[in-house]
PDB file of N, CA and C in Angstrom:
ATOM      1  N   MET A   1     -18.731 -14.726 -21.955  1.00  0.00           N
ATOM      2  CA  MET A   1     -17.310 -14.572 -21.736  1.00  0.00           C
ATOM      3  C   MET A   1     -16.771 -15.927 -21.267  1.00  0.00           C
ATOM      4  N   SER A   2     -15.723 -16.385 -21.903  1.00  0.00           N
ATOM      5  CA  SER A   2     -15.146 -17.686 -21.554  1.00  0.00           C
ATOM      6  C   SER A   2     -14.219 -17.548 -20.350  1.00  0.00           C
ATOM      7  N   ALA A   3     -13.852 -18.660 -19.765  1.00  0.00           N
ATOM      8  CA  ALA A   3     -12.921 -18.671 -18.630  1.00  0.00           C
ATOM      9  C   ALA A   3     -11.572 -18.097 -19.055  1.00  0.00           C
ATOM     10  N   GLU A   4     -11.166 -18.382 -20.282  1.00  0.00           N
ATOM     11  CA  GLU A   4      -9.905 -17.856 -20.787  1.00  0.00           C
ATOM     12  C   GLU A   4      -9.965 -16.337 -20.941  1.00  0.00           C
ATOM     13  N   ASP A   5     -11.100 -15.820 -21.437  1.00  0.00           N
ATOM     14  CA  ASP A   5     -11.284 -14.376 -21.565  1.00  0.00           C
ATOM     15  C   ASP A   5     -11.211 -13.703 -20.195  1.00  0.00           C
ATOM     16  N   LEU A   6     -11.841 -14.313 -19.211  1.00  0.00           N
ATOM     17  CA  LEU A   6     -11.831 -13.769 -17.851  1.00  0.00           C
ATOM     18  C   LEU A   6     -10.421 -13.775 -17.274  1.00  0.00           C
ATOM     19  N   GLU A   7      -9.694 -14.856 -17.495  1.00  0.00           N
ATOM     20  CA  GLU A   7      -8.315 -14.934 -17.014  1.00  0.00           C
ATOM     21  C   GLU A   7      -7.434 -13.885 -17.690  1.00  0.00           C
ATOM     22  N   ASP A   8      -7.612 -13.694 -19.001  1.00  0.00           N
ATOM     23  CA  ASP A   8      -6.856 -12.669 -19.731  1.00  0.00           C
ATOM     24  C   ASP A   8      -7.174 -11.276 -19.193  1.00  0.00           C
ATOM     25  N   TYR A   9      -8.457 -11.021 -18.920  1.00  0.00           N
ATOM     26  CA  TYR A   9      -8.875  -9.722 -18.374  1.00  0.00           C
ATOM     27  C   TYR A   9      -8.223  -9.476 -17.013  1.00  0.00           C
ATOM     28  N   GLU A  10      -8.253 -10.471 -16.121  1.00  0.00           N
ATOM     29  CA  GLU A  10      -7.647 -10.323 -14.800  1.00  0.00           C
ATOM     30  C   GLU A  10      -6.141 -10.110 -14.893  1.00  0.00           C
ATOM     31  N   THR A  11      -5.499 -10.799 -15.825  1.00  0.00           N
ATOM     32  CA  THR A  11      -4.059 -10.621 -16.030  1.00  0.00           C
ATOM     33  C   THR A  11      -3.754  -9.198 -16.480  1.00  0.00           C
ATOM     34  N   GLU A  12      -4.558  -8.681 -17.397  1.00  0.00           N
ATOM     35  CA  GLU A  12      -4.363  -7.307 -17.872  1.00  0.00           C
ATOM     36  C   GLU A  12      -4.593  -6.286 -16.759  1.00  0.00           C
ATOM     37  N   MET A  13      -5.602  -6.528 -15.922  1.00  0.00           N
ATOM     38  CA  MET A  13      -5.879  -5.627 -14.797  1.00  0.00           C
ATOM     39  C   MET A  13      -4.714  -5.620 -13.807  1.00  0.00           C
ATOM     40  N   GLU A  14      -4.166  -6.779 -13.503  1.00  0.00           N
ATOM     41  CA  GLU A  14      -3.033  -6.868 -12.585  1.00  0.00           C
ATOM     42  C   GLU A  14      -1.799  -6.196 -13.163  1.00  0.00           C
ATOM     43  N   LEU A  15      -1.577  -6.351 -14.457  1.00  0.00           N
ATOM     44  CA  LEU A  15      -0.446  -5.701 -15.120  1.00  0.00           C
ATOM     45  C   LEU A  15      -0.613  -4.177 -15.087  1.00  0.00           C
ATOM     46  N   ALA A  16      -1.821  -3.693 -15.340  1.00  0.00           N
ATOM     47  CA  ALA A  16      -2.090  -2.253 -15.282  1.00  0.00           C
ATOM     48  C   ALA A  16      -1.877  -1.724 -13.866  1.00  0.00           C
ATOM     49  N   LEU A  17      -2.275  -2.504 -12.857  1.00  0.00           N
ATOM     50  CA  LEU A  17      -2.072  -2.098 -11.467  1.00  0.00           C
ATOM     51  C   LEU A  17      -0.587  -2.027 -11.140  1.00  0.00           C
ATOM     52  N   TYR A  18       0.183  -3.001 -11.580  1.00  0.00           N
ATOM     53  CA  TYR A  18       1.628  -2.977 -11.357  1.00  0.00           C
ATOM     54  C   TYR A  18       2.253  -1.742 -12.018  1.00  0.00           C
ATOM     55  N   ARG A  19       1.831  -1.444 -13.231  1.00  0.00           N
ATOM     56  CA  ARG A  19       2.376  -0.261 -13.928  1.00  0.00           C
ATOM     57  C   ARG A  19       2.026   1.022 -13.178  1.00  0.00           C
ATOM     58  N   GLU A  20       0.803   1.096 -12.658  1.00  0.00           N
ATOM     59  CA  GLU A  20       0.416   2.269 -11.867  1.00  0.00           C
ATOM     60  C   GLU A  20       1.284   2.373 -10.612  1.00  0.00           C
ATOM     61  N   TYR A  21       1.481   1.242  -9.935  1.00  0.00           N
ATOM     62  CA  TYR A  21       2.344   1.216  -8.743  1.00  0.00           C
ATOM     63  C   TYR A  21       3.743   1.735  -9.090  1.00  0.00           C
ATOM     64  N   ARG A  22       4.306   1.236 -10.163  1.00  0.00           N
ATOM     65  CA  ARG A  22       5.643   1.642 -10.591  1.00  0.00           C
ATOM     66  C   ARG A  22       5.707   3.153 -10.856  1.00  0.00           C
ATOM     67  N   ASP A  23       4.612   3.704 -11.390  1.00  0.00           N
ATOM     68  CA  ASP A  23       4.578   5.135 -11.699  1.00  0.00           C
ATOM     69  C   ASP A  23       4.428   6.005 -10.455  1.00  0.00           C
ATOM     70  N   VAL A  24       3.759   5.507  -9.411  1.00  0.00           N
ATOM     71  CA  VAL A  24       3.461   6.348  -8.247  1.00  0.00           C
ATOM     72  C   VAL A  24       4.342   6.091  -7.033  1.00  0.00           C
ATOM     73  N   VAL A  25       5.081   4.998  -6.990  1.00  0.00           N
ATOM     74  CA  VAL A  25       5.830   4.638  -5.783  1.00  0.00           C
ATOM     75  C   VAL A  25       6.785   5.757  -5.347  1.00  0.00           C
ATOM     76  N   GLY A  26       7.343   6.492  -6.263  1.00  0.00           N
ATOM     77  CA  GLY A  26       8.265   7.577  -5.936  1.00  0.00           C
ATOM     78  C   GLY A  26       7.615   8.766  -5.241  1.00  0.00           C
ATOM     79  N   LEU A  27       6.295   8.812  -5.216  1.00  0.00           N
ATOM     80  CA  LEU A  27       5.573   9.908  -4.575  1.00  0.00           C
ATOM     81  C   LEU A  27       5.372   9.675  -3.076  1.00  0.00           C
ATOM     82  N   PHE A  28       5.726   8.501  -2.586  1.00  0.00           N
ATOM     83  CA  PHE A  28       5.401   8.115  -1.216  1.00  0.00           C
ATOM     84  C   PHE A  28       6.638   7.812  -0.379  1.00  0.00           C
ATOM     85  N   ALA A  29       6.480   7.927   0.932  1.00  0.00           N
ATOM     86  CA  ALA A  29       7.589   7.720   1.863  1.00  0.00           C
ATOM     87  C   ALA A  29       7.602   6.327   2.486  1.00  0.00           C
ATOM     88  N   TYR A  30       6.441   5.658   2.539  1.00  0.00           N
ATOM     89  CA  TYR A  30       6.347   4.369   3.230  1.00  0.00           C
ATOM     90  C   TYR A  30       5.595   3.335   2.406  1.00  0.00           C
ATOM     91  N   VAL A  31       6.003   2.089   2.616  1.00  0.00           N
ATOM     92  CA  VAL A  31       5.282   0.927   2.116  1.00  0.00           C
ATOM     93  C   VAL A  31       4.712   0.238   3.348  1.00  0.00           C
ATOM     94  N   VAL A  32       3.426  -0.079   3.320  1.00  0.00           N
ATOM     95  CA  VAL A  32       2.765  -0.717   4.463  1.00  0.00           C
ATOM     96  C   VAL A  32       2.044  -1.963   3.957  1.00  0.00           C
ATOM     97  N   GLU A  33       2.296  -3.068   4.663  1.00  0.00           N
ATOM     98  CA  GLU A  33       1.654  -4.318   4.283  1.00  0.00           C
ATOM     99  C   GLU A  33       0.906  -4.884   5.483  1.00  0.00           C
ATOM    100  N   THR A  34      -0.366  -5.193   5.262  1.00  0.00           N
ATOM    101  CA  THR A  34      -1.188  -5.860   6.272  1.00  0.00           C
ATOM    102  C   THR A  34      -1.604  -7.211   5.697  1.00  0.00           C
ATOM    103  N   GLU A  35      -2.362  -7.975   6.467  1.00  0.00           N
ATOM    104  CA  GLU A  35      -2.786  -9.287   5.972  1.00  0.00           C
ATOM    105  C   GLU A  35      -3.770  -9.163   4.819  1.00  0.00           C
ATOM    106  N   ARG A  36      -4.406  -8.007   4.666  1.00  0.00           N
ATOM    107  CA  ARG A  36      -5.430  -7.863   3.633  1.00  0.00           C
ATOM    108  C   ARG A  36      -5.034  -6.947   2.482  1.00  0.00           C
ATOM    109  N   ARG A  37      -4.159  -5.986   2.740  1.00  0.00           N
ATOM    110  CA  ARG A  37      -3.857  -4.982   1.727  1.00  0.00           C
ATOM    111  C   ARG A  37      -2.377  -4.578   1.749  1.00  0.00           C
ATOM    112  N   PHE A  38      -2.008  -3.907   0.673  1.00  0.00           N
ATOM    113  CA  PHE A  38      -0.683  -3.322   0.495  1.00  0.00           C
ATOM    114  C   PHE A  38      -0.921  -1.845   0.206  1.00  0.00           C
ATOM    115  N   TYR A  39      -0.192  -0.966   0.903  1.00  0.00           N
ATOM    116  CA  TYR A  39      -0.398   0.476   0.767  1.00  0.00           C
ATOM    117  C   TYR A  39       0.930   1.190   0.531  1.00  0.00           C
ATOM    118  N   LEU A  40       0.839   2.331  -0.095  1.00  0.00           N
ATOM    119  CA  LEU A  40       1.898   3.336  -0.111  1.00  0.00           C
ATOM    120  C   LEU A  40       1.328   4.523   0.645  1.00  0.00           C
ATOM    121  N   ALA A  41       2.148   5.202   1.450  1.00  0.00           N
ATOM    122  CA  ALA A  41       1.633   6.337   2.227  1.00  0.00           C
ATOM    123  C   ALA A  41       2.748   7.325   2.515  1.00  0.00           C
ATOM    124  N   ASN A  42       2.354   8.555   2.811  1.00  0.00           N
ATOM    125  CA  ASN A  42       3.326   9.574   3.192  1.00  0.00           C
ATOM    126  C   ASN A  42       3.392   9.778   4.695  1.00  0.00           C
ATOM    127  N   SER A  43       2.412   9.273   5.414  1.00  0.00           N
ATOM    128  CA  SER A  43       2.414   9.362   6.873  1.00  0.00           C
ATOM    129  C   SER A  43       1.815   8.073   7.428  1.00  0.00           C
ATOM    130  N   VAL A  44       2.486   7.511   8.452  1.00  0.00           N
ATOM    131  CA  VAL A  44       2.030   6.264   9.061  1.00  0.00           C
ATOM    132  C   VAL A  44       2.066   6.426  10.576  1.00  0.00           C
ATOM    133  N   ASP A  45       0.937   6.105  11.211  1.00  0.00           N
ATOM    134  CA  ASP A  45       0.854   6.102  12.672  1.00  0.00           C
ATOM    135  C   ASP A  45       0.403   4.704  13.084  1.00  0.00           C
ATOM    136  N   LEU A  46       1.302   3.954  13.722  1.00  0.00           N
ATOM    137  CA  LEU A  46       1.012   2.587  14.150  1.00  0.00           C
ATOM    138  C   LEU A  46       0.979   2.545  15.669  1.00  0.00           C
ATOM    139  N   VAL A  47      -0.185   2.180  16.221  1.00  0.00           N
ATOM    140  CA  VAL A  47      -0.359   2.154  17.673  1.00  0.00           C
ATOM    141  C   VAL A  47      -0.739   0.734  18.099  1.00  0.00           C
ATOM    142  N   PRO A  48       0.149   0.062  18.852  1.00  0.00           N
ATOM    143  CA  PRO A  48      -0.236  -1.242  19.391  1.00  0.00           C
ATOM    144  C   PRO A  48      -1.220  -1.059  20.542  1.00  0.00           C
ATOM    145  N   ARG A  49      -2.227  -1.887  20.586  1.00  0.00           N
ATOM    146  CA  ARG A  49      -3.243  -1.828  21.640  1.00  0.00           C
ATOM    147  C   ARG A  49      -3.310  -3.194  22.308  1.00  0.00           C
ATOM    148  N   SER A  50      -3.834  -3.215  23.533  1.00  0.00           N
ATOM    149  CA  SER A  50      -3.988  -4.480  24.243  1.00  0.00           C
ATOM    150  C   SER A  50      -5.306  -4.455  25.011  1.00  0.00           C
ATOM    151  N   THR A  51      -6.085  -5.520  24.841  1.00  0.00           N
ATOM    152  CA  THR A  51      -7.348  -5.671  25.549  1.00  0.00           C
ATOM    153  C   THR A  51      -7.464  -7.122  25.997  1.00  0.00           C
ATOM    154  N   ASP A  52      -7.623  -7.330  27.279  1.00  0.00           N
ATOM    155  CA  ASP A  52      -7.782  -8.679  27.829  1.00  0.00           C
ATOM    156  C   ASP A  52      -6.685  -9.625  27.355  1.00  0.00           C
ATOM    157  N   GLY A  53      -5.457  -9.144  27.322  1.00  0.00           N
ATOM    158  CA  GLY A  53      -4.328  -9.977  26.920  1.00  0.00           C
ATOM    159  C   GLY A  53      -4.150 -10.129  25.422  1.00  0.00           C
ATOM    160  N   GLU A  54      -5.074  -9.627  24.624  1.00  0.00           N
ATOM    161  CA  GLU A  54      -4.968  -9.678  23.156  1.00  0.00           C
ATOM    162  C   GLU A  54      -4.285  -8.410  22.663  1.00  0.00           C
ATOM    163  N   VAL A  55      -3.314  -8.570  21.785  1.00  0.00           N
ATOM    164  CA  VAL A  55      -2.642  -7.416  21.195  1.00  0.00           C
ATOM    165  C   VAL A  55      -3.194  -7.212  19.785  1.00  0.00           C
ATOM    166  N   TRP A  56      -3.527  -5.970  19.483  1.00  0.00           N
ATOM    167  CA  TRP A  56      -3.982  -5.613  18.151  1.00  0.00           C
ATOM    168  C   TRP A  56      -3.365  -4.279  17.773  1.00  0.00           C
ATOM    169  N   PHE A  57      -3.470  -3.941  16.518  1.00  0.00           N
ATOM    170  CA  PHE A  57      -2.825  -2.732  16.002  1.00  0.00           C
ATOM    171  C   PHE A  57      -3.852  -1.818  15.363  1.00  0.00           C
ATOM    172  N   GLU A  58      -3.696  -0.537  15.650  1.00  0.00           N
ATOM    173  CA  GLU A  58      -4.493   0.491  14.988  1.00  0.00           C
ATOM    174  C   GLU A  58      -3.522   1.286  14.124  1.00  0.00           C
ATOM    175  N   LEU A  59      -3.804   1.327  12.862  1.00  0.00           N
ATOM    176  CA  LEU A  59      -2.904   1.916  11.882  1.00  0.00           C
ATOM    177  C   LEU A  59      -3.649   3.016  11.139  1.00  0.00           C
ATOM    178  N   THR A  60      -3.064   4.209  11.107  1.00  0.00           N
ATOM    179  CA  THR A  60      -3.647   5.319  10.353  1.00  0.00           C
ATOM    180  C   THR A  60      -2.638   5.763   9.300  1.00  0.00           C
ATOM    181  N   LEU A  61      -3.079   5.766   8.063  1.00  0.00           N
ATOM    182  CA  LEU A  61      -2.245   6.193   6.939  1.00  0.00           C
ATOM    183  C   LEU A  61      -2.840   7.461   6.349  1.00  0.00           C
ATOM    184  N   THR A  62      -1.989   8.396   6.024  1.00  0.00           N
ATOM    185  CA  THR A  62      -2.433   9.641   5.407  1.00  0.00           C
ATOM    186  C   THR A  62      -1.781   9.778   4.040  1.00  0.00           C
ATOM    187  N   ASP A  63      -2.540  10.313   3.100  1.00  0.00           N
ATOM    188  CA  ASP A  63      -2.069  10.499   1.730  1.00  0.00           C
ATOM    189  C   ASP A  63      -1.578   9.157   1.202  1.00  0.00           C
ATOM    190  N   ALA A  64      -2.516   8.254   0.926  1.00  0.00           N
ATOM    191  CA  ALA A  64      -2.165   6.868   0.624  1.00  0.00           C
ATOM    192  C   ALA A  64      -2.650   6.427  -0.756  1.00  0.00           C
ATOM    193  N   TRP A  65      -2.036   5.339  -1.199  1.00  0.00           N
ATOM    194  CA  TRP A  65      -2.411   4.645  -2.420  1.00  0.00           C
ATOM    195  C   TRP A  65      -2.612   3.186  -2.047  1.00  0.00           C
ATOM    196  N   VAL A  66      -3.709   2.582  -2.504  1.00  0.00           N
ATOM    197  CA  VAL A  66      -4.072   1.222  -2.117  1.00  0.00           C
ATOM    198  C   VAL A  66      -3.870   0.272  -3.294  1.00  0.00           C
ATOM    199  N   TRP A  67      -3.128  -0.831  -3.044  1.00  0.00           N
ATOM    200  CA  TRP A  67      -2.952  -1.871  -4.066  1.00  0.00           C
ATOM    201  C   TRP A  67      -4.195  -2.736  -4.041  1.00  0.00           C
ATOM    202  N   ASP A  68      -5.122  -2.468  -4.930  1.00  0.00           N
ATOM    203  CA  ASP A  68      -6.358  -3.243  -5.013  1.00  0.00           C
ATOM    204  C   ASP A  68      -6.880  -3.129  -6.433  1.00  0.00           C
ATOM    205  N   VAL A  69      -6.806  -4.213  -7.156  1.00  0.00           N
ATOM    206  CA  VAL A  69      -7.170  -4.211  -8.570  1.00  0.00           C
ATOM    207  C   VAL A  69      -8.640  -3.862  -8.788  1.00  0.00           C
ATOM    208  N   TYR A  70      -9.486  -4.081  -7.781  1.00  0.00           N
ATOM    209  CA  TYR A  70     -10.922  -3.862  -7.955  1.00  0.00           C
ATOM    210  C   TYR A  70     -11.403  -2.486  -7.503  1.00  0.00           C
ATOM    211  N   ARG A  71     -10.516  -1.650  -6.977  1.00  0.00           N
ATOM    212  CA  ARG A  71     -10.906  -0.290  -6.570  1.00  0.00           C
ATOM    213  C   ARG A  71     -10.860   0.630  -7.772  1.00  0.00           C
ATOM    214  N   SER A  72     -11.855   1.466  -7.887  1.00  0.00           N
ATOM    215  CA  SER A  72     -11.843   2.436  -8.985  1.00  0.00           C
ATOM    216  C   SER A  72     -10.971   3.644  -8.640  1.00  0.00           C
ATOM    217  N   ALA A  73     -10.887   3.988  -7.350  1.00  0.00           N
ATOM    218  CA  ALA A  73     -10.053   5.106  -6.892  1.00  0.00           C
ATOM    219  C   ALA A  73      -9.061   4.567  -5.861  1.00  0.00           C
ATOM    220  N   ARG A  74      -7.801   4.514  -6.253  1.00  0.00           N
ATOM    221  CA  ARG A  74      -6.783   3.953  -5.358  1.00  0.00           C
ATOM    222  C   ARG A  74      -6.116   5.000  -4.474  1.00  0.00           C
ATOM    223  N   PHE A  75      -6.218   6.266  -4.827  1.00  0.00           N
ATOM    224  CA  PHE A  75      -5.660   7.327  -3.983  1.00  0.00           C
ATOM    225  C   PHE A  75      -6.689   7.694  -2.919  1.00  0.00           C
ATOM    226  N   VAL A  76      -6.281   7.679  -1.661  1.00  0.00           N
ATOM    227  CA  VAL A  76      -7.184   8.026  -0.564  1.00  0.00           C
ATOM    228  C   VAL A  76      -6.505   9.007   0.378  1.00  0.00           C
ATOM    229  N   LYS A  77      -7.303   9.879   0.961  1.00  0.00           N
ATOM    230  CA  LYS A  77      -6.772  10.893   1.863  1.00  0.00           C
ATOM    231  C   LYS A  77      -6.320  10.281   3.191  1.00  0.00           C
ATOM    232  N   GLN A  78      -7.133   9.370   3.729  1.00  0.00           N
ATOM    233  CA  GLN A  78      -6.782   8.746   5.001  1.00  0.00           C
ATOM    234  C   GLN A  78      -7.365   7.338   5.059  1.00  0.00           C
ATOM    235  N   VAL A  79      -6.585   6.427   5.650  1.00  0.00           N
ATOM    236  CA  VAL A  79      -7.003   5.039   5.818  1.00  0.00           C
ATOM    237  C   VAL A  79      -6.803   4.665   7.282  1.00  0.00           C
ATOM    238  N   ARG A  80      -7.783   3.997   7.861  1.00  0.00           N
ATOM    239  CA  ARG A  80      -7.652   3.470   9.227  1.00  0.00           C
ATOM    240  C   ARG A  80      -7.814   1.964   9.141  1.00  0.00           C
ATOM    241  N   VAL A  81      -6.819   1.250   9.666  1.00  0.00           N
ATOM    242  CA  VAL A  81      -6.823  -0.204   9.649  1.00  0.00           C
ATOM    243  C   VAL A  81      -6.729  -0.683  11.090  1.00  0.00           C
ATOM    244  N   VAL A  82      -7.577  -1.644  11.447  1.00  0.00           N
ATOM    245  CA  VAL A  82      -7.506  -2.290  12.749  1.00  0.00           C
ATOM    246  C   VAL A  82      -7.288  -3.767  12.479  1.00  0.00           C
ATOM    247  N   THR A  83      -6.216  -4.343  13.068  1.00  0.00           N
ATOM    248  CA  THR A  83      -5.881  -5.726  12.763  1.00  0.00           C
ATOM    249  C   THR A  83      -5.247  -6.433  13.961  1.00  0.00           C
ATOM    250  N   PHE A  84      -5.468  -7.712  14.045  1.00  0.00           N
ATOM    251  CA  PHE A  84      -4.817  -8.571  15.032  1.00  0.00           C
ATOM    252  C   PHE A  84      -3.603  -9.258  14.418  1.00  0.00           C
ATOM    253  N   LYS A  85      -3.400  -9.074  13.131  1.00  0.00           N
ATOM    254  CA  LYS A  85      -2.307  -9.721  12.400  1.00  0.00           C
ATOM    255  C   LYS A  85      -1.092  -8.790  12.328  1.00  0.00           C
ATOM    256  N   ASP A  86      -0.006  -9.330  11.802  1.00  0.00           N
ATOM    257  CA  ASP A  86       1.223  -8.556  11.645  1.00  0.00           C
ATOM    258  C   ASP A  86       1.019  -7.379  10.695  1.00  0.00           C
ATOM    259  N   VAL A  87       1.778  -6.314  10.956  1.00  0.00           N
ATOM    260  CA  VAL A  87       1.816  -5.138  10.097  1.00  0.00           C
ATOM    261  C   VAL A  87       3.280  -4.862   9.789  1.00  0.00           C
ATOM    262  N   ASN A  88       3.597  -4.671   8.527  1.00  0.00           N
ATOM    263  CA  ASN A  88       4.959  -4.371   8.113  1.00  0.00           C
ATOM    264  C   ASN A  88       4.990  -2.944   7.557  1.00  0.00           C
ATOM    265  N   VAL A  89       5.847  -2.092   8.141  1.00  0.00           N
ATOM    266  CA  VAL A  89       6.004  -0.714   7.683  1.00  0.00           C
ATOM    267  C   VAL A  89       7.465  -0.521   7.302  1.00  0.00           C
ATOM    268  N   GLU A  90       7.698  -0.093   6.077  1.00  0.00           N
ATOM    269  CA  GLU A  90       9.055   0.158   5.604  1.00  0.00           C
ATOM    270  C   GLU A  90       9.142   1.574   5.059  1.00  0.00           C
ATOM    271  N   GLU A  91      10.207   2.263   5.439  1.00  0.00           N
ATOM    272  CA  GLU A  91      10.445   3.586   4.873  1.00  0.00           C
ATOM    273  C   GLU A  91      11.177   3.404   3.550  1.00  0.00           C
ATOM    274  N   LEU A  92      10.664   4.031   2.510  1.00  0.00           N
ATOM    275  CA  LEU A  92      11.285   3.937   1.194  1.00  0.00           C
ATOM    276  C   LEU A  92      12.531   4.812   1.135  1.00  0.00           C
ATOM    277  N   ALA A  93      13.573   4.306   0.524  1.00  0.00           N
ATOM    278  CA  ALA A  93      14.799   5.078   0.327  1.00  0.00           C
ATOM    279  C   ALA A  93      14.575   6.030  -0.842  1.00  0.00           C
ATOM    280  N   LYS A  94      14.852   7.292  -0.618  1.00  0.00           N
ATOM    281  CA  LYS A  94      14.713   8.275  -1.693  1.00  0.00           C
ATOM    282  C   LYS A  94      16.029   8.347  -2.460  1.00  0.00           C
ATOM    283  N   ALA A  95      15.926   8.337  -3.759  1.00  0.00           N
ATOM    284  CA  ALA A  95      17.119   8.441  -4.590  1.00  0.00           C
ATOM    285  C   ALA A  95      17.742   9.818  -4.389  1.00  0.00           C
ATOM    286  N   ASP A  96      19.044   9.846  -4.375  1.00  0.00           N
ATOM    287  CA  ASP A  96      19.756  11.113  -4.237  1.00  0.00           C
ATOM    288  C   ASP A  96      19.608  11.869  -5.553  1.00  0.00           C
ATOM    289  N   LEU A  97      18.886  13.000  -5.506  1.00  0.00           N
ATOM    290  CA  LEU A  97      18.579  13.743  -6.725  1.00  0.00           C
ATOM    291  C   LEU A  97      19.702  14.682  -7.150  1.00  0.00           C
ATOM    292  N   GLU A  98      20.638  14.930  -6.258  1.00  0.00           N
ATOM    293  CA  GLU A  98      21.726  15.824  -6.616  1.00  0.00           C
ATOM    294  C   GLU A  98      22.810  15.064  -7.376  1.00  0.00           C
ATOM    295  N   VAL A  99      23.329  15.689  -8.401  1.00  0.00           N
ATOM    296  CA  VAL A  99      24.419  15.093  -9.155  1.00  0.00           C
ATOM    297  C   VAL A  99      25.720  15.418  -8.442  1.00  0.00           C
ATOM    298  N   PRO A 100      26.518  14.406  -8.095  1.00  0.00           N
ATOM    299  CA  PRO A 100      27.785  14.693  -7.392  1.00  0.00           C
ATOM    300  C   PRO A 100      28.738  15.480  -8.275  1.00  0.00           C
ATOM    301  N   GLU A 101      29.465  16.381  -7.640  1.00  0.00           N
ATOM    302  CA  GLU A 101      30.442  17.177  -8.375  1.00  0.00           C
ATOM    303  C   GLU A 101      31.669  16.335  -8.640  1.00  0.00           C
ATOM    304  N   THR A 102      32.242  16.516  -9.845  1.00  0.00           N
ATOM    305  CA  THR A 102      33.445  15.760 -10.184  1.00  0.00           C
ATOM    306  C   THR A 102      34.644  16.633 -10.189  1.00  0.00           C
TER     307      THR A 102
END
């Protein structure tokens, strides 16, 4: 396999992952970003902790999807993340499904 073939394969995998994300994002309530991963989840519990002056975060996600091109199964029941880095949690806006009356 040439370097070009490998690059083409990785590009296709990333494109397939983006398409999967686009298809599933509407199923989730939150977007969560850590220094290592990007998640979609329906439940997020973020607990700041402190030990000896160091602040760290314990994050539990339930009913989640993991942005990781190398995972064979991206849907997970529960994820626990422990990190000393920043954590970004955003609630996704749900589209108004009702048609307004005219």
